[in-house]
Amino acid sequence: MIESAVGIRRGAFAALLDPVSDGTFRLLGQAFYVIDGNLSVRVRRDGREWFVWKSRQIEATPSLLDELAQFSSELSAQLSPLA
């Protein structure tokens, strides 16, 4: 997808990591929900949020959004330099 990025996945969620010059990584953009092995985009239609990839769409329920936030939070904590 992106030649210089590293992809990671846990369950139904994934993220792209960008190598940084000091040998660490930073999150490239935001985490994604995976549909059929592909990174989806999050859109709002008719007042509801959806994860969409091509013609497939999955409603972004509060439960899924909470799981995505948890994945993002844990990933950010792992990528943060030690104090």
N, C-alpha and C. Protein backbone atom coordinates (compact mmCIF):
# COMPACT_ATOMS: atom_id res chain seq x y z
N MET A 1 0.82 -1.20 0.00
CA MET A 1 0.00 0.00 0.00
C MET A 1 0.86 1.26 0.00
N ILE A 2 1.60 1.42 1.08
CA ILE A 2 2.51 2.56 1.19
C ILE A 2 3.90 1.98 1.38
N GLU A 3 4.74 2.20 0.42
CA GLU A 3 6.02 1.52 0.36
C GLU A 3 6.88 1.67 1.61
N SER A 4 6.87 2.84 2.23
CA SER A 4 7.75 3.07 3.37
C SER A 4 7.09 2.78 4.72
N ALA A 5 5.81 2.39 4.73
CA ALA A 5 5.09 2.16 5.98
C ALA A 5 5.08 0.69 6.36
N VAL A 6 4.97 0.46 7.65
CA VAL A 6 4.84 -0.89 8.19
C VAL A 6 3.41 -1.05 8.67
N GLY A 7 2.76 -2.12 8.25
CA GLY A 7 1.39 -2.36 8.69
C GLY A 7 1.35 -3.34 9.85
N ILE A 8 0.50 -3.04 10.82
CA ILE A 8 0.27 -3.98 11.93
C ILE A 8 -1.22 -4.19 12.06
N ARG A 9 -1.57 -5.35 12.60
CA ARG A 9 -2.99 -5.68 12.72
C ARG A 9 -3.22 -6.46 14.01
N ARG A 10 -4.33 -6.15 14.66
CA ARG A 10 -4.78 -6.92 15.81
C ARG A 10 -6.28 -7.08 15.67
N GLY A 11 -6.71 -8.32 15.47
CA GLY A 11 -8.14 -8.58 15.29
C GLY A 11 -8.66 -7.87 14.07
N ALA A 12 -9.71 -7.08 14.25
CA ALA A 12 -10.36 -6.38 13.14
C ALA A 12 -9.79 -4.98 12.90
N PHE A 13 -8.67 -4.66 13.58
CA PHE A 13 -8.13 -3.31 13.47
C PHE A 13 -6.69 -3.35 12.97
N ALA A 14 -6.30 -2.28 12.30
CA ALA A 14 -4.94 -2.21 11.75
C ALA A 14 -4.46 -0.76 11.78
N ALA A 15 -3.17 -0.61 11.63
CA ALA A 15 -2.57 0.73 11.57
C ALA A 15 -1.34 0.67 10.69
N LEU A 16 -0.98 1.82 10.17
CA LEU A 16 0.25 1.96 9.39
C LEU A 16 1.23 2.76 10.23
N LEU A 17 2.46 2.27 10.28
CA LEU A 17 3.51 2.93 11.05
C LEU A 17 4.58 3.46 10.10
N ASP A 18 5.05 4.64 10.43
CA ASP A 18 6.06 5.31 9.63
C ASP A 18 7.39 5.26 10.40
N PRO A 19 8.45 4.71 9.80
CA PRO A 19 9.74 4.70 10.49
C PRO A 19 10.26 6.12 10.70
N VAL A 20 10.80 6.37 11.88
CA VAL A 20 11.37 7.66 12.22
C VAL A 20 12.89 7.51 12.23
N SER A 21 13.60 8.59 11.98
CA SER A 21 15.06 8.54 11.84
C SER A 21 15.79 7.99 13.06
N ASP A 22 15.18 8.05 14.24
CA ASP A 22 15.86 7.55 15.44
C ASP A 22 15.65 6.05 15.66
N GLY A 23 15.06 5.38 14.67
CA GLY A 23 14.87 3.93 14.76
C GLY A 23 13.55 3.52 15.37
N THR A 24 12.69 4.48 15.68
CA THR A 24 11.37 4.16 16.23
C THR A 24 10.32 4.34 15.13
N PHE A 25 9.07 4.21 15.52
CA PHE A 25 7.96 4.37 14.57
C PHE A 25 6.96 5.38 15.12
N ARG A 26 6.21 5.98 14.21
CA ARG A 26 5.09 6.83 14.60
C ARG A 26 3.88 6.40 13.80
N LEU A 27 2.72 6.62 14.38
CA LEU A 27 1.46 6.26 13.72
C LEU A 27 1.27 7.15 12.51
N LEU A 28 1.01 6.55 11.38
CA LEU A 28 0.78 7.28 10.14
C LEU A 28 -0.73 7.43 9.98
N GLY A 29 -1.23 8.61 10.24
CA GLY A 29 -2.68 8.82 10.17
C GLY A 29 -3.36 8.27 11.40
N GLN A 30 -4.41 7.49 11.18
CA GLN A 30 -5.15 6.91 12.29
C GLN A 30 -5.35 5.43 12.07
N ALA A 31 -5.82 4.75 13.10
CA ALA A 31 -6.07 3.31 12.99
C ALA A 31 -7.30 3.06 12.12
N PHE A 32 -7.38 1.85 11.58
CA PHE A 32 -8.44 1.49 10.64
C PHE A 32 -9.21 0.25 11.11
N TYR A 33 -10.44 0.13 10.64
CA TYR A 33 -11.20 -1.11 10.76
C TYR A 33 -10.93 -1.86 9.46
N VAL A 34 -10.73 -3.17 9.54
CA VAL A 34 -10.38 -3.97 8.37
C VAL A 34 -11.63 -4.68 7.84
N ILE A 35 -11.90 -4.50 6.55
CA ILE A 35 -13.02 -5.17 5.88
C ILE A 35 -12.43 -6.01 4.75
N ASP A 36 -12.68 -7.30 4.80
CA ASP A 36 -12.18 -8.23 3.76
C ASP A 36 -10.68 -8.07 3.52
N GLY A 37 -9.93 -7.86 4.60
CA GLY A 37 -8.48 -7.74 4.49
C GLY A 37 -7.99 -6.39 4.00
N ASN A 38 -8.89 -5.40 3.92
CA ASN A 38 -8.53 -4.08 3.41
C ASN A 38 -8.83 -3.00 4.44
N LEU A 39 -8.06 -1.93 4.40
CA LEU A 39 -8.27 -0.81 5.30
C LEU A 39 -9.49 -0.02 4.85
N SER A 40 -10.43 0.16 5.75
CA SER A 40 -11.64 0.90 5.41
C SER A 40 -11.48 2.38 5.74
N VAL A 41 -12.41 3.17 5.27
CA VAL A 41 -12.49 4.58 5.66
C VAL A 41 -13.75 4.76 6.49
N ARG A 42 -13.72 5.73 7.36
CA ARG A 42 -14.88 6.01 8.21
C ARG A 42 -15.62 7.20 7.63
N VAL A 43 -16.91 7.01 7.37
CA VAL A 43 -17.72 8.07 6.77
C VAL A 43 -18.99 8.26 7.59
N ARG A 44 -19.61 9.41 7.40
CA ARG A 44 -20.90 9.69 8.03
C ARG A 44 -21.94 9.80 6.91
N ARG A 45 -22.99 9.01 7.04
CA ARG A 45 -24.09 9.03 6.07
C ARG A 45 -25.40 9.03 6.83
N ASP A 46 -26.27 9.95 6.48
CA ASP A 46 -27.60 10.02 7.11
C ASP A 46 -27.52 10.02 8.63
N GLY A 47 -26.55 10.73 9.17
CA GLY A 47 -26.42 10.86 10.61
C GLY A 47 -25.81 9.66 11.32
N ARG A 48 -25.35 8.67 10.59
CA ARG A 48 -24.72 7.48 11.18
C ARG A 48 -23.31 7.34 10.61
N GLU A 49 -22.45 6.70 11.40
CA GLU A 49 -21.08 6.47 10.94
C GLU A 49 -20.93 5.05 10.44
N TRP A 50 -20.10 4.91 9.40
CA TRP A 50 -19.87 3.62 8.76
C TRP A 50 -18.39 3.45 8.48
N PHE A 51 -17.95 2.19 8.48
CA PHE A 51 -16.64 1.82 7.94
C PHE A 51 -16.93 1.29 6.55
N VAL A 52 -16.24 1.83 5.54
CA VAL A 52 -16.55 1.50 4.15
C VAL A 52 -15.29 1.09 3.40
N TRP A 53 -15.43 0.03 2.61
CA TRP A 53 -14.41 -0.36 1.65
C TRP A 53 -15.15 -0.84 0.41
N LYS A 54 -14.94 -0.14 -0.69
CA LYS A 54 -15.65 -0.40 -1.95
C LYS A 54 -17.15 -0.43 -1.68
N SER A 55 -17.83 -1.50 -2.04
CA SER A 55 -19.28 -1.54 -1.85
C SER A 55 -19.69 -2.10 -0.49
N ARG A 56 -18.73 -2.53 0.31
CA ARG A 56 -19.02 -3.08 1.64
C ARG A 56 -19.04 -1.96 2.66
N GLN A 57 -20.00 -2.05 3.56
CA GLN A 57 -20.03 -1.09 4.66
C GLN A 57 -20.50 -1.78 5.93
N ILE A 58 -19.90 -1.36 7.04
CA ILE A 58 -20.24 -1.91 8.34
C ILE A 58 -20.50 -0.72 9.25
N GLU A 59 -21.60 -0.76 9.96
CA GLU A 59 -21.93 0.36 10.83
C GLU A 59 -20.89 0.50 11.94
N ALA A 60 -20.48 1.72 12.17
CA ALA A 60 -19.51 2.02 13.24
C ALA A 60 -20.29 2.18 14.54
N THR A 61 -20.62 1.05 15.13
CA THR A 61 -21.39 1.04 16.36
C THR A 61 -20.56 1.60 17.51
N PRO A 62 -21.21 2.03 18.58
CA PRO A 62 -20.44 2.50 19.74
C PRO A 62 -19.44 1.46 20.23
N SER A 63 -19.81 0.20 20.18
CA SER A 63 -18.91 -0.87 20.62
C SER A 63 -17.66 -0.94 19.73
N LEU A 64 -17.86 -0.90 18.41
CA LEU A 64 -16.71 -0.93 17.49
C LEU A 64 -15.84 0.30 17.64
N LEU A 65 -16.47 1.46 17.83
CA LEU A 65 -15.70 2.69 18.01
C LEU A 65 -14.90 2.65 19.31
N ASP A 66 -15.47 2.06 20.36
CA ASP A 66 -14.73 1.89 21.62
C ASP A 66 -13.54 0.97 21.43
N GLU A 67 -13.73 -0.14 20.70
CA GLU A 67 -12.62 -1.07 20.44
C GLU A 67 -11.53 -0.40 19.61
N LEU A 68 -11.93 0.39 18.63
CA LEU A 68 -10.96 1.12 17.80
C LEU A 68 -10.18 2.12 18.65
N ALA A 69 -10.88 2.83 19.53
CA ALA A 69 -10.21 3.79 20.41
C ALA A 69 -9.23 3.07 21.35
N GLN A 70 -9.62 1.91 21.84
CA GLN A 70 -8.74 1.13 22.73
C GLN A 70 -7.49 0.69 21.98
N PHE A 71 -7.68 0.18 20.76
CA PHE A 71 -6.55 -0.23 19.92
C PHE A 71 -5.61 0.95 19.69
N SER A 72 -6.17 2.09 19.33
CA SER A 72 -5.36 3.29 19.06
C SER A 72 -4.61 3.74 20.30
N SER A 73 -5.29 3.72 21.44
CA SER A 73 -4.67 4.15 22.69
C SER A 73 -3.51 3.23 23.07
N GLU A 74 -3.74 1.93 22.99
CA GLU A 74 -2.68 0.97 23.32
C GLU A 74 -1.50 1.09 22.37
N LEU A 75 -1.79 1.28 21.10
CA LEU A 75 -0.73 1.45 20.11
C LEU A 75 0.07 2.71 20.39
N SER A 76 -0.61 3.80 20.66
CA SER A 76 0.09 5.06 20.97
C SER A 76 0.98 4.92 22.18
N ALA A 77 0.50 4.20 23.20
CA ALA A 77 1.30 3.98 24.41
C ALA A 77 2.55 3.16 24.08
N GLN A 78 2.41 2.18 23.21
CA GLN A 78 3.56 1.36 22.82
C GLN A 78 4.58 2.16 22.01
N LEU A 79 4.12 3.13 21.26
CA LEU A 79 5.01 3.91 20.41
C LEU A 79 5.65 5.09 21.14
N SER A 80 5.11 5.45 22.30
CA SER A 80 5.64 6.60 23.05
C SER A 80 7.02 6.25 23.60
N PRO A 81 7.93 7.23 23.50
CA PRO A 81 9.26 6.99 24.08
C PRO A 81 9.15 6.87 25.60
N LEU A 82 10.02 6.08 26.18
CA LEU A 82 10.03 5.93 27.63
C LEU A 82 10.49 7.21 28.29
N ALA A 83 9.86 7.54 29.38
CA ALA A 83 10.21 8.79 30.08
C ALA A 83 11.43 8.63 30.94
